[in-house]
Amino acid sequence: MARFPRRARLTKPGEFQATLSTGKRHHERWLTAAVSANTLGHPRLGLAIAKKAVGLATQRNRIKRKIRESFRAHQPCLPAVDVVILARSGCAELSAAELDHSLERLWTRIAASSPRS
């Protein structure tokens, strides 16, 4: 089973705030990614799946699991950036395939727009 180690996560509120306030945003129909460069040499992920956007905890957890799984698979092709994924209302109704497709487009956009370090 693939892991999601601490070094691959945004853990402090300041890291989330910095990425959300200064990061470039990439929008999909149901997801938004705020992206800012980091100096660590590897990408990191933060999740902000609000209760207002996805009401049930089981749905929020399913979405977070899918995002983490997709991030682990795409880590090698991402530059050294901090990424915060935000869910929009209606995200809970997406099928697993639709969510995967949306995430695939986000990772491609992030990889294409961020300069490699």
PDB file of N, CA and C in Angstrom:
ATOM      1  N   MET A   1       0.839  -1.186   0.000  1.00  0.00           N
ATOM      2  CA  MET A   1       0.000   0.000   0.000  1.00  0.00           C
ATOM      3  C   MET A   1       0.885   1.250   0.000  1.00  0.00           C
ATOM      4  N   ALA A   2       0.587   2.186  -0.865  1.00  0.00           N
ATOM      5  CA  ALA A   2       1.347   3.427  -0.949  1.00  0.00           C
ATOM      6  C   ALA A   2       1.032   4.294   0.259  1.00  0.00           C
ATOM      7  N   ARG A   3       2.039   5.020   0.705  1.00  0.00           N
ATOM      8  CA  ARG A   3       1.854   5.862   1.879  1.00  0.00           C
ATOM      9  C   ARG A   3       1.776   7.325   1.476  1.00  0.00           C
ATOM     10  N   PHE A   4       1.326   8.124   2.406  1.00  0.00           N
ATOM     11  CA  PHE A   4       1.259   9.568   2.224  1.00  0.00           C
ATOM     12  C   PHE A   4       2.058  10.186   3.377  1.00  0.00           C
ATOM     13  N   PRO A   5       3.411  10.193   3.249  1.00  0.00           N
ATOM     14  CA  PRO A   5       4.259  10.593   4.376  1.00  0.00           C
ATOM     15  C   PRO A   5       4.099  12.066   4.754  1.00  0.00           C
ATOM     16  N   ARG A   6       4.504  12.361   5.959  1.00  0.00           N
ATOM     17  CA  ARG A   6       4.385  13.710   6.491  1.00  0.00           C
ATOM     18  C   ARG A   6       5.113  14.739   5.611  1.00  0.00           C
ATOM     19  N   ARG A   7       6.234  14.340   5.023  1.00  0.00           N
ATOM     20  CA  ARG A   7       6.997  15.278   4.192  1.00  0.00           C
ATOM     21  C   ARG A   7       6.245  15.666   2.923  1.00  0.00           C
ATOM     22  N   ALA A   8       5.219  14.916   2.552  1.00  0.00           N
ATOM     23  CA  ALA A   8       4.438  15.197   1.342  1.00  0.00           C
ATOM     24  C   ALA A   8       3.157  15.968   1.654  1.00  0.00           C
ATOM     25  N   ARG A   9       3.001  16.390   2.910  1.00  0.00           N
ATOM     26  CA  ARG A   9       1.770  17.075   3.322  1.00  0.00           C
ATOM     27  C   ARG A   9       2.045  18.505   3.770  1.00  0.00           C
ATOM     28  N   LEU A  10       1.071  19.366   3.579  1.00  0.00           N
ATOM     29  CA  LEU A  10       1.084  20.670   4.232  1.00  0.00           C
ATOM     30  C   LEU A  10       0.481  20.422   5.607  1.00  0.00           C
ATOM     31  N   THR A  11       1.175  20.828   6.667  1.00  0.00           N
ATOM     32  CA  THR A  11       0.707  20.492   8.007  1.00  0.00           C
ATOM     33  C   THR A  11       0.376  21.712   8.864  1.00  0.00           C
ATOM     34  N   LYS A  12       0.967  22.845   8.554  1.00  0.00           N
ATOM     35  CA  LYS A  12       0.779  24.023   9.406  1.00  0.00           C
ATOM     36  C   LYS A  12      -0.204  25.003   8.773  1.00  0.00           C
ATOM     37  N   PRO A  13      -1.010  25.657   9.594  1.00  0.00           N
ATOM     38  CA  PRO A  13      -1.963  26.642   9.054  1.00  0.00           C
ATOM     39  C   PRO A  13      -1.286  27.720   8.213  1.00  0.00           C
ATOM     40  N   GLY A  14      -0.091  28.130   8.584  1.00  0.00           N
ATOM     41  CA  GLY A  14       0.635  29.145   7.826  1.00  0.00           C
ATOM     42  C   GLY A  14       0.974  28.700   6.418  1.00  0.00           C
ATOM     43  N   GLU A  15       1.258  27.399   6.250  1.00  0.00           N
ATOM     44  CA  GLU A  15       1.562  26.862   4.925  1.00  0.00           C
ATOM     45  C   GLU A  15       0.322  26.903   4.038  1.00  0.00           C
ATOM     46  N   PHE A  16      -0.824  26.556   4.615  1.00  0.00           N
ATOM     47  CA  PHE A  16      -2.084  26.626   3.876  1.00  0.00           C
ATOM     48  C   PHE A  16      -2.388  28.074   3.491  1.00  0.00           C
ATOM     49  N   GLN A  17      -2.270  28.996   4.462  1.00  0.00           N
ATOM     50  CA  GLN A  17      -2.590  30.403   4.210  1.00  0.00           C
ATOM     51  C   GLN A  17      -1.681  30.992   3.140  1.00  0.00           C
ATOM     52  N   ALA A  18      -0.394  30.678   3.196  1.00  0.00           N
ATOM     53  CA  ALA A  18       0.546  31.207   2.201  1.00  0.00           C
ATOM     54  C   ALA A  18       0.191  30.709   0.806  1.00  0.00           C
ATOM     55  N   THR A  19      -0.132  29.436   0.700  1.00  0.00           N
ATOM     56  CA  THR A  19      -0.476  28.876  -0.611  1.00  0.00           C
ATOM     57  C   THR A  19      -1.793  29.447  -1.117  1.00  0.00           C
ATOM     58  N   LEU A  20      -2.777  29.559  -0.248  1.00  0.00           N
ATOM     59  CA  LEU A  20      -4.078  30.074  -0.673  1.00  0.00           C
ATOM     60  C   LEU A  20      -4.032  31.559  -1.021  1.00  0.00           C
ATOM     61  N   SER A  21      -3.204  32.336  -0.306  1.00  0.00           N
ATOM     62  CA  SER A  21      -3.189  33.780  -0.558  1.00  0.00           C
ATOM     63  C   SER A  21      -2.304  34.171  -1.745  1.00  0.00           C
ATOM     64  N   THR A  22      -1.183  33.474  -1.939  1.00  0.00           N
ATOM     65  CA  THR A  22      -0.261  33.894  -2.999  1.00  0.00           C
ATOM     66  C   THR A  22      -0.213  32.928  -4.180  1.00  0.00           C
ATOM     67  N   GLY A  23      -0.822  31.752  -4.033  1.00  0.00           N
ATOM     68  CA  GLY A  23      -0.723  30.738  -5.074  1.00  0.00           C
ATOM     69  C   GLY A  23      -1.574  31.025  -6.295  1.00  0.00           C
ATOM     70  N   LYS A  24      -1.134  30.458  -7.425  1.00  0.00           N
ATOM     71  CA  LYS A  24      -1.908  30.543  -8.665  1.00  0.00           C
ATOM     72  C   LYS A  24      -3.027  29.509  -8.579  1.00  0.00           C
ATOM     73  N   ARG A  25      -4.208  29.889  -9.031  1.00  0.00           N
ATOM     74  CA  ARG A  25      -5.359  28.981  -8.934  1.00  0.00           C
ATOM     75  C   ARG A  25      -5.661  28.327 -10.272  1.00  0.00           C
ATOM     76  N   HIS A  26      -5.947  27.040 -10.193  1.00  0.00           N
ATOM     77  CA  HIS A  26      -6.369  26.250 -11.354  1.00  0.00           C
ATOM     78  C   HIS A  26      -7.762  25.732 -11.028  1.00  0.00           C
ATOM     79  N   HIS A  27      -8.709  26.035 -11.903  1.00  0.00           N
ATOM     80  CA  HIS A  27     -10.101  25.673 -11.640  1.00  0.00           C
ATOM     81  C   HIS A  27     -10.565  24.526 -12.522  1.00  0.00           C
ATOM     82  N   GLU A  28     -11.292  23.646 -11.923  1.00  0.00           N
ATOM     83  CA  GLU A  28     -12.047  22.600 -12.601  1.00  0.00           C
ATOM     84  C   GLU A  28     -13.504  22.829 -12.209  1.00  0.00           C
ATOM     85  N   ARG A  29     -14.391  22.094 -12.786  1.00  0.00           N
ATOM     86  CA  ARG A  29     -15.817  22.279 -12.486  1.00  0.00           C
ATOM     87  C   ARG A  29     -16.118  22.092 -11.000  1.00  0.00           C
ATOM     88  N   TRP A  30     -15.531  21.074 -10.375  1.00  0.00           N
ATOM     89  CA  TRP A  30     -15.855  20.754  -8.981  1.00  0.00           C
ATOM     90  C   TRP A  30     -14.705  20.950  -8.017  1.00  0.00           C
ATOM     91  N   LEU A  31     -13.504  21.227  -8.528  1.00  0.00           N
ATOM     92  CA  LEU A  31     -12.323  21.364  -7.683  1.00  0.00           C
ATOM     93  C   LEU A  31     -11.532  22.598  -8.072  1.00  0.00           C
ATOM     94  N   THR A  32     -10.841  23.165  -7.092  1.00  0.00           N
ATOM     95  CA  THR A  32      -9.916  24.262  -7.341  1.00  0.00           C
ATOM     96  C   THR A  32      -8.596  23.901  -6.679  1.00  0.00           C
ATOM     97  N   ALA A  33      -7.490  24.180  -7.360  1.00  0.00           N
ATOM     98  CA  ALA A  33      -6.166  23.941  -6.796  1.00  0.00           C
ATOM     99  C   ALA A  33      -5.429  25.268  -6.706  1.00  0.00           C
ATOM    100  N   ALA A  34      -4.947  25.596  -5.496  1.00  0.00           N
ATOM    101  CA  ALA A  34      -4.078  26.754  -5.304  1.00  0.00           C
ATOM    102  C   ALA A  34      -2.653  26.208  -5.262  1.00  0.00           C
ATOM    103  N   VAL A  35      -1.773  26.772  -6.085  1.00  0.00           N
ATOM    104  CA  VAL A  35      -0.426  26.229  -6.251  1.00  0.00           C
ATOM    105  C   VAL A  35       0.607  27.325  -6.065  1.00  0.00           C
ATOM    106  N   SER A  36       1.602  27.063  -5.213  1.00  0.00           N
ATOM    107  CA  SER A  36       2.726  27.987  -5.071  1.00  0.00           C
ATOM    108  C   SER A  36       4.015  27.180  -4.991  1.00  0.00           C
ATOM    109  N   ALA A  37       5.087  27.753  -5.488  1.00  0.00           N
ATOM    110  CA  ALA A  37       6.381  27.069  -5.520  1.00  0.00           C
ATOM    111  C   ALA A  37       6.923  26.899  -4.099  1.00  0.00           C
ATOM    112  N   ASN A  38       7.675  25.826  -3.896  1.00  0.00           N
ATOM    113  CA  ASN A  38       8.381  25.655  -2.626  1.00  0.00           C
ATOM    114  C   ASN A  38       9.852  25.374  -2.916  1.00  0.00           C
ATOM    115  N   THR A  39      10.663  25.378  -1.875  1.00  0.00           N
ATOM    116  CA  THR A  39      12.106  25.189  -2.054  1.00  0.00           C
ATOM    117  C   THR A  39      12.565  23.819  -1.557  1.00  0.00           C
ATOM    118  N   LEU A  40      11.632  22.910  -1.337  1.00  0.00           N
ATOM    119  CA  LEU A  40      11.962  21.610  -0.750  1.00  0.00           C
ATOM    120  C   LEU A  40      12.412  20.573  -1.760  1.00  0.00           C
ATOM    121  N   GLY A  41      12.126  20.799  -3.032  1.00  0.00           N
ATOM    122  CA  GLY A  41      12.531  19.845  -4.054  1.00  0.00           C
ATOM    123  C   GLY A  41      11.519  18.748  -4.328  1.00  0.00           C
ATOM    124  N   HIS A  42      10.363  18.802  -3.682  1.00  0.00           N
ATOM    125  CA  HIS A  42       9.303  17.819  -3.926  1.00  0.00           C
ATOM    126  C   HIS A  42       7.950  18.474  -3.689  1.00  0.00           C
ATOM    127  N   PRO A  43       6.902  17.957  -4.327  1.00  0.00           N
ATOM    128  CA  PRO A  43       5.568  18.552  -4.145  1.00  0.00           C
ATOM    129  C   PRO A  43       4.953  18.142  -2.810  1.00  0.00           C
ATOM    130  N   ARG A  44       4.084  19.016  -2.288  1.00  0.00           N
ATOM    131  CA  ARG A  44       3.334  18.730  -1.061  1.00  0.00           C
ATOM    132  C   ARG A  44       1.863  19.033  -1.309  1.00  0.00           C
ATOM    133  N   LEU A  45       1.002  18.330  -0.590  1.00  0.00           N
ATOM    134  CA  LEU A  45      -0.438  18.450  -0.788  1.00  0.00           C
ATOM    135  C   LEU A  45      -1.132  18.834   0.507  1.00  0.00           C
ATOM    136  N   GLY A  46      -2.102  19.732   0.380  1.00  0.00           N
ATOM    137  CA  GLY A  46      -2.996  20.075   1.479  1.00  0.00           C
ATOM    138  C   GLY A  46      -4.427  19.975   0.977  1.00  0.00           C
ATOM    139  N   LEU A  47      -5.326  19.520   1.849  1.00  0.00           N
ATOM    140  CA  LEU A  47      -6.726  19.350   1.453  1.00  0.00           C
ATOM    141  C   LEU A  47      -7.608  20.269   2.286  1.00  0.00           C
ATOM    142  N   ALA A  48      -8.529  20.949   1.618  1.00  0.00           N
ATOM    143  CA  ALA A  48      -9.503  21.810   2.289  1.00  0.00           C
ATOM    144  C   ALA A  48     -10.875  21.457   1.723  1.00  0.00           C
ATOM    145  N   ILE A  49     -11.450  20.388   2.246  1.00  0.00           N
ATOM    146  CA  ILE A  49     -12.753  19.910   1.786  1.00  0.00           C
ATOM    147  C   ILE A  49     -13.773  20.354   2.822  1.00  0.00           C
ATOM    148  N   ALA A  50     -14.433  21.457   2.561  1.00  0.00           N
ATOM    149  CA  ALA A  50     -15.315  22.089   3.544  1.00  0.00           C
ATOM    150  C   ALA A  50     -16.630  21.338   3.713  1.00  0.00           C
ATOM    151  N   LYS A  51     -17.124  21.362   4.930  1.00  0.00           N
ATOM    152  CA  LYS A  51     -18.411  20.742   5.242  1.00  0.00           C
ATOM    153  C   LYS A  51     -19.539  21.428   4.467  1.00  0.00           C
ATOM    154  N   LYS A  52     -19.352  22.714   4.207  1.00  0.00           N
ATOM    155  CA  LYS A  52     -20.350  23.476   3.455  1.00  0.00           C
ATOM    156  C   LYS A  52     -20.451  22.974   2.000  1.00  0.00           C
ATOM    157  N   ALA A  53     -19.322  22.545   1.438  1.00  0.00           N
ATOM    158  CA  ALA A  53     -19.298  22.070   0.057  1.00  0.00           C
ATOM    159  C   ALA A  53     -19.702  20.607  -0.047  1.00  0.00           C
ATOM    160  N   VAL A  54     -19.284  19.797   0.924  1.00  0.00           N
ATOM    161  CA  VAL A  54     -19.571  18.354   0.920  1.00  0.00           C
ATOM    162  C   VAL A  54     -20.091  18.010   2.304  1.00  0.00           C
ATOM    163  N   GLY A  55     -21.401  17.853   2.396  1.00  0.00           N
ATOM    164  CA  GLY A  55     -22.063  17.749   3.691  1.00  0.00           C
ATOM    165  C   GLY A  55     -21.718  16.565   4.566  1.00  0.00           C
ATOM    166  N   LEU A  56     -21.735  15.371   4.021  1.00  0.00           N
ATOM    167  CA  LEU A  56     -21.539  14.184   4.849  1.00  0.00           C
ATOM    168  C   LEU A  56     -20.064  13.843   5.017  1.00  0.00           C
ATOM    169  N   ALA A  57     -19.694  13.449   6.233  1.00  0.00           N
ATOM    170  CA  ALA A  57     -18.302  13.116   6.529  1.00  0.00           C
ATOM    171  C   ALA A  57     -17.814  11.953   5.662  1.00  0.00           C
ATOM    172  N   THR A  58     -18.674  10.989   5.416  1.00  0.00           N
ATOM    173  CA  THR A  58     -18.261   9.844   4.589  1.00  0.00           C
ATOM    174  C   THR A  58     -17.928  10.290   3.169  1.00  0.00           C
ATOM    175  N   GLN A  59     -18.674  11.245   2.648  1.00  0.00           N
ATOM    176  CA  GLN A  59     -18.399  11.767   1.310  1.00  0.00           C
ATOM    177  C   GLN A  59     -17.103  12.572   1.301  1.00  0.00           C
ATOM    178  N   ARG A  60     -16.898  13.402   2.338  1.00  0.00           N
ATOM    179  CA  ARG A  60     -15.653  14.178   2.437  1.00  0.00           C
ATOM    180  C   ARG A  60     -14.446  13.242   2.492  1.00  0.00           C
ATOM    181  N   ASN A  61     -14.556  12.189   3.291  1.00  0.00           N
ATOM    182  CA  ASN A  61     -13.442  11.249   3.434  1.00  0.00           C
ATOM    183  C   ASN A  61     -13.171  10.494   2.132  1.00  0.00           C
ATOM    184  N   ARG A  62     -14.214  10.125   1.404  1.00  0.00           N
ATOM    185  CA  ARG A  62     -14.050   9.449   0.113  1.00  0.00           C
ATOM    186  C   ARG A  62     -13.307  10.357  -0.863  1.00  0.00           C
ATOM    187  N   ILE A  63     -13.716  11.620  -0.910  1.00  0.00           N
ATOM    188  CA  ILE A  63     -13.073  12.585  -1.810  1.00  0.00           C
ATOM    189  C   ILE A  63     -11.611  12.772  -1.427  1.00  0.00           C
ATOM    190  N   LYS A  64     -11.332  12.909  -0.135  1.00  0.00           N
ATOM    191  CA  LYS A  64      -9.948  13.082   0.313  1.00  0.00           C
ATOM    192  C   LYS A  64      -9.094  11.857  -0.025  1.00  0.00           C
ATOM    193  N   ARG A  65      -9.644  10.659   0.151  1.00  0.00           N
ATOM    194  CA  ARG A  65      -8.904   9.439  -0.195  1.00  0.00           C
ATOM    195  C   ARG A  65      -8.556   9.412  -1.677  1.00  0.00           C
ATOM    196  N   LYS A  66      -9.523   9.759  -2.523  1.00  0.00           N
ATOM    197  CA  LYS A  66      -9.294   9.763  -3.972  1.00  0.00           C
ATOM    198  C   LYS A  66      -8.235  10.805  -4.357  1.00  0.00           C
ATOM    199  N   ILE A  67      -8.286  11.988  -3.734  1.00  0.00           N
ATOM    200  CA  ILE A  67      -7.310  13.041  -4.043  1.00  0.00           C
ATOM    201  C   ILE A  67      -5.908  12.599  -3.619  1.00  0.00           C
ATOM    202  N   ARG A  68      -5.774  12.032  -2.419  1.00  0.00           N
ATOM    203  CA  ARG A  68      -4.464  11.564  -1.947  1.00  0.00           C
ATOM    204  C   ARG A  68      -3.913  10.463  -2.851  1.00  0.00           C
ATOM    205  N   GLU A  69      -4.768   9.525  -3.235  1.00  0.00           N
ATOM    206  CA  GLU A  69      -4.358   8.429  -4.111  1.00  0.00           C
ATOM    207  C   GLU A  69      -3.867   8.972  -5.453  1.00  0.00           C
ATOM    208  N   SER A  70      -4.596   9.917  -6.018  1.00  0.00           N
ATOM    209  CA  SER A  70      -4.223  10.516  -7.294  1.00  0.00           C
ATOM    210  C   SER A  70      -2.915  11.299  -7.158  1.00  0.00           C
ATOM    211  N   PHE A  71      -2.753  12.033  -6.049  1.00  0.00           N
ATOM    212  CA  PHE A  71      -1.528  12.799  -5.811  1.00  0.00           C
ATOM    213  C   PHE A  71      -0.316  11.868  -5.739  1.00  0.00           C
ATOM    214  N   ARG A  72      -0.452  10.749  -5.018  1.00  0.00           N
ATOM    215  CA  ARG A  72       0.654   9.791  -4.906  1.00  0.00           C
ATOM    216  C   ARG A  72       1.063   9.271  -6.288  1.00  0.00           C
ATOM    217  N   ALA A  73       0.097   9.006  -7.127  1.00  0.00           N
ATOM    218  CA  ALA A  73       0.386   8.486  -8.461  1.00  0.00           C
ATOM    219  C   ALA A  73       1.057   9.530  -9.350  1.00  0.00           C
ATOM    220  N   HIS A  74       0.744  10.814  -9.151  1.00  0.00           N
ATOM    221  CA  HIS A  74       1.264  11.871 -10.020  1.00  0.00           C
ATOM    222  C   HIS A  74       2.442  12.640  -9.426  1.00  0.00           C
ATOM    223  N   GLN A  75       2.872  12.306  -8.222  1.00  0.00           N
ATOM    224  CA  GLN A  75       3.981  13.013  -7.582  1.00  0.00           C
ATOM    225  C   GLN A  75       5.240  13.105  -8.443  1.00  0.00           C
ATOM    226  N   PRO A  76       5.661  12.024  -9.096  1.00  0.00           N
ATOM    227  CA  PRO A  76       6.902  12.097  -9.876  1.00  0.00           C
ATOM    228  C   PRO A  76       6.866  13.123 -11.016  1.00  0.00           C
ATOM    229  N   CYS A  77       5.696  13.405 -11.561  1.00  0.00           N
ATOM    230  CA  CYS A  77       5.634  14.346 -12.687  1.00  0.00           C
ATOM    231  C   CYS A  77       5.307  15.776 -12.250  1.00  0.00           C
ATOM    232  N   LEU A  78       5.164  16.008 -10.941  1.00  0.00           N
ATOM    233  CA  LEU A  78       4.878  17.359 -10.454  1.00  0.00           C
ATOM    234  C   LEU A  78       6.168  18.051 -10.023  1.00  0.00           C
ATOM    235  N   PRO A  79       6.261  19.362 -10.259  1.00  0.00           N
ATOM    236  CA  PRO A  79       7.432  20.106  -9.811  1.00  0.00           C
ATOM    237  C   PRO A  79       7.367  20.344  -8.299  1.00  0.00           C
ATOM    238  N   ALA A  80       8.357  21.030  -7.750  1.00  0.00           N
ATOM    239  CA  ALA A  80       8.404  21.338  -6.317  1.00  0.00           C
ATOM    240  C   ALA A  80       7.412  22.468  -6.022  1.00  0.00           C
ATOM    241  N   VAL A  81       6.183  22.084  -5.703  1.00  0.00           N
ATOM    242  CA  VAL A  81       5.127  23.056  -5.420  1.00  0.00           C
ATOM    243  C   VAL A  81       4.317  22.604  -4.205  1.00  0.00           C
ATOM    244  N   ASP A  82       3.662  23.561  -3.583  1.00  0.00           N
ATOM    245  CA  ASP A  82       2.673  23.272  -2.555  1.00  0.00           C
ATOM    246  C   ASP A  82       1.310  23.406  -3.223  1.00  0.00           C
ATOM    247  N   VAL A  83       0.453  22.416  -3.041  1.00  0.00           N
ATOM    248  CA  VAL A  83      -0.865  22.397  -3.671  1.00  0.00           C
ATOM    249  C   VAL A  83      -1.925  22.261  -2.587  1.00  0.00           C
ATOM    250  N   VAL A  84      -2.912  23.155  -2.612  1.00  0.00           N
ATOM    251  CA  VAL A  84      -4.072  23.023  -1.736  1.00  0.00           C
ATOM    252  C   VAL A  84      -5.279  22.796  -2.641  1.00  0.00           C
ATOM    253  N   ILE A  85      -5.968  21.674  -2.425  1.00  0.00           N
ATOM    254  CA  ILE A  85      -7.160  21.339  -3.207  1.00  0.00           C
ATOM    255  C   ILE A  85      -8.392  21.735  -2.409  1.00  0.00           C
ATOM    256  N   LEU A  86      -9.266  22.507  -3.039  1.00  0.00           N
ATOM    257  CA  LEU A  86     -10.532  22.931  -2.441  1.00  0.00           C
ATOM    258  C   LEU A  86     -11.671  22.282  -3.215  1.00  0.00           C
ATOM    259  N   ALA A  87     -12.664  21.787  -2.504  1.00  0.00           N
ATOM    260  CA  ALA A  87     -13.835  21.187  -3.161  1.00  0.00           C
ATOM    261  C   ALA A  87     -14.933  22.230  -3.266  1.00  0.00           C
ATOM    262  N   ARG A  88     -15.700  22.147  -4.343  1.00  0.00           N
ATOM    263  CA  ARG A  88     -16.851  23.030  -4.529  1.00  0.00           C
ATOM    264  C   ARG A  88     -18.135  22.251  -4.291  1.00  0.00           C
ATOM    265  N   SER A  89     -19.217  22.977  -4.101  1.00  0.00           N
ATOM    266  CA  SER A  89     -20.517  22.332  -3.919  1.00  0.00           C
ATOM    267  C   SER A  89     -20.825  21.450  -5.120  1.00  0.00           C
ATOM    268  N   GLY A  90     -21.368  20.291  -4.867  1.00  0.00           N
ATOM    269  CA  GLY A  90     -21.687  19.357  -5.927  1.00  0.00           C
ATOM    270  C   GLY A  90     -20.620  18.307  -6.134  1.00  0.00           C
ATOM    271  N   CYS A  91     -19.482  18.464  -5.523  1.00  0.00           N
ATOM    272  CA  CYS A  91     -18.373  17.522  -5.668  1.00  0.00           C
ATOM    273  C   CYS A  91     -18.761  16.133  -5.152  1.00  0.00           C
ATOM    274  N   ALA A  92     -19.627  16.084  -4.158  1.00  0.00           N
ATOM    275  CA  ALA A  92     -20.023  14.810  -3.551  1.00  0.00           C
ATOM    276  C   ALA A  92     -20.790  13.922  -4.533  1.00  0.00           C
ATOM    277  N   GLU A  93     -21.442  14.515  -5.524  1.00  0.00           N
ATOM    278  CA  GLU A  93     -22.243  13.736  -6.466  1.00  0.00           C
ATOM    279  C   GLU A  93     -21.417  13.117  -7.595  1.00  0.00           C
ATOM    280  N   LEU A  94     -20.125  13.464  -7.662  1.00  0.00           N
ATOM    281  CA  LEU A  94     -19.274  12.930  -8.722  1.00  0.00           C
ATOM    282  C   LEU A  94     -19.026  11.439  -8.525  1.00  0.00           C
ATOM    283  N   SER A  95     -18.967  10.722  -9.626  1.00  0.00           N
ATOM    284  CA  SER A  95     -18.570   9.316  -9.553  1.00  0.00           C
ATOM    285  C   SER A  95     -17.046   9.274  -9.390  1.00  0.00           C
ATOM    286  N   ALA A  96     -16.525   8.119  -9.043  1.00  0.00           N
ATOM    287  CA  ALA A  96     -15.076   7.960  -8.878  1.00  0.00           C
ATOM    288  C   ALA A  96     -14.347   8.269 -10.182  1.00  0.00           C
ATOM    289  N   ALA A  97     -14.895   7.827 -11.295  1.00  0.00           N
ATOM    290  CA  ALA A  97     -14.256   8.063 -12.599  1.00  0.00           C
ATOM    291  C   ALA A  97     -14.235   9.549 -12.949  1.00  0.00           C
ATOM    292  N   GLU A  98     -15.336  10.260 -12.666  1.00  0.00           N
ATOM    293  CA  GLU A  98     -15.392  11.697 -12.952  1.00  0.00           C
ATOM    294  C   GLU A  98     -14.392  12.457 -12.077  1.00  0.00           C
ATOM    295  N   LEU A  99     -14.281  12.064 -10.811  1.00  0.00           N
ATOM    296  CA  LEU A  99     -13.329  12.705  -9.907  1.00  0.00           C
ATOM    297  C   LEU A  99     -11.900  12.453 -10.368  1.00  0.00           C
ATOM    298  N   ASP A 100     -11.597  11.220 -10.770  1.00  0.00           N
ATOM    299  CA  ASP A 100     -10.267  10.890 -11.290  1.00  0.00           C
ATOM    300  C   ASP A 100      -9.934  11.711 -12.527  1.00  0.00           C
ATOM    301  N   HIS A 101     -10.896  11.846 -13.428  1.00  0.00           N
ATOM    302  CA  HIS A 101     -10.685  12.609 -14.662  1.00  0.00           C
ATOM    303  C   HIS A 101     -10.421  14.087 -14.350  1.00  0.00           C
ATOM    304  N   SER A 102     -11.183  14.633 -13.426  1.00  0.00           N
ATOM    305  CA  SER A 102     -11.009  16.028 -13.020  1.00  0.00           C
ATOM    306  C   SER A 102      -9.633  16.239 -12.388  1.00  0.00           C
ATOM    307  N   LEU A 103      -9.221  15.312 -11.532  1.00  0.00           N
ATOM    308  CA  LEU A 103      -7.901  15.409 -10.889  1.00  0.00           C
ATOM    309  C   LEU A 103      -6.784  15.271 -11.919  1.00  0.00           C
ATOM    310  N   GLU A 104      -6.964  14.376 -12.872  1.00  0.00           N
ATOM    311  CA  GLU A 104      -5.974  14.187 -13.936  1.00  0.00           C
ATOM    312  C   GLU A 104      -5.739  15.503 -14.686  1.00  0.00           C
ATOM    313  N   ARG A 105      -6.820  16.194 -15.016  1.00  0.00           N
ATOM    314  CA  ARG A 105      -6.698  17.489 -15.708  1.00  0.00           C
ATOM    315  C   ARG A 105      -5.991  18.519 -14.826  1.00  0.00           C
ATOM    316  N   LEU A 106      -6.294  18.525 -13.519  1.00  0.00           N
ATOM    317  CA  LEU A 106      -5.628  19.466 -12.607  1.00  0.00           C
ATOM    318  C   LEU A 106      -4.131  19.199 -12.541  1.00  0.00           C
ATOM    319  N   TRP A 107      -3.725  17.930 -12.355  1.00  0.00           N
ATOM    320  CA  TRP A 107      -2.292  17.622 -12.262  1.00  0.00           C
ATOM    321  C   TRP A 107      -1.574  17.988 -13.566  1.00  0.00           C
ATOM    322  N   THR A 108      -2.210  17.738 -14.697  1.00  0.00           N
ATOM    323  CA  THR A 108      -1.601  18.079 -15.984  1.00  0.00           C
ATOM    324  C   THR A 108      -1.400  19.582 -16.096  1.00  0.00           C
ATOM    325  N   ARG A 109      -2.409  20.341 -15.695  1.00  0.00           N
ATOM    326  CA  ARG A 109      -2.320  21.802 -15.747  1.00  0.00           C
ATOM    327  C   ARG A 109      -1.237  22.333 -14.809  1.00  0.00           C
ATOM    328  N   ILE A 110      -1.157  21.751 -13.614  1.00  0.00           N
ATOM    329  CA  ILE A 110      -0.151  22.183 -12.640  1.00  0.00           C
ATOM    330  C   ILE A 110       1.253  21.881 -13.164  1.00  0.00           C
ATOM    331  N   ALA A 111       1.461  20.693 -13.697  1.00  0.00           N
ATOM    332  CA  ALA A 111       2.765  20.306 -14.225  1.00  0.00           C
ATOM    333  C   ALA A 111       3.178  21.183 -15.408  1.00  0.00           C
ATOM    334  N   ALA A 112       2.219  21.548 -16.243  1.00  0.00           N
ATOM    335  CA  ALA A 112       2.517  22.352 -17.431  1.00  0.00           C
ATOM    336  C   ALA A 112       2.793  23.820 -17.092  1.00  0.00           C
ATOM    337  N   SER A 113       2.136  24.352 -16.068  1.00  0.00           N
ATOM    338  CA  SER A 113       2.264  25.782 -15.784  1.00  0.00           C
ATOM    339  C   SER A 113       3.372  26.122 -14.806  1.00  0.00           C
ATOM    340  N   SER A 114       3.861  25.154 -14.062  1.00  0.00           N
ATOM    341  CA  SER A 114       4.882  25.425 -13.052  1.00  0.00           C
ATOM    342  C   SER A 114       6.261  25.143 -13.627  1.00  0.00           C
ATOM    343  N   PRO A 115       7.183  26.082 -13.438  1.00  0.00           N
ATOM    344  CA  PRO A 115       8.537  25.846 -13.938  1.00  0.00           C
ATOM    345  C   PRO A 115       9.223  24.763 -13.116  1.00  0.00           C
ATOM    346  N   ARG A 116       9.952  23.895 -13.778  1.00  0.00           N
ATOM    347  CA  ARG A 116      10.695  22.836 -13.086  1.00  0.00           C
ATOM    348  C   ARG A 116      11.890  23.446 -12.366  1.00  0.00           C
ATOM    349  N   SER A 117      12.167  22.941 -11.159  1.00  0.00           N
ATOM    350  CA  SER A 117      13.338  23.466 -10.442  1.00  0.00           C
ATOM    351  C   SER A 117      14.483  22.504 -10.503  1.00  0.00           C
TER     352      SER A 117
END
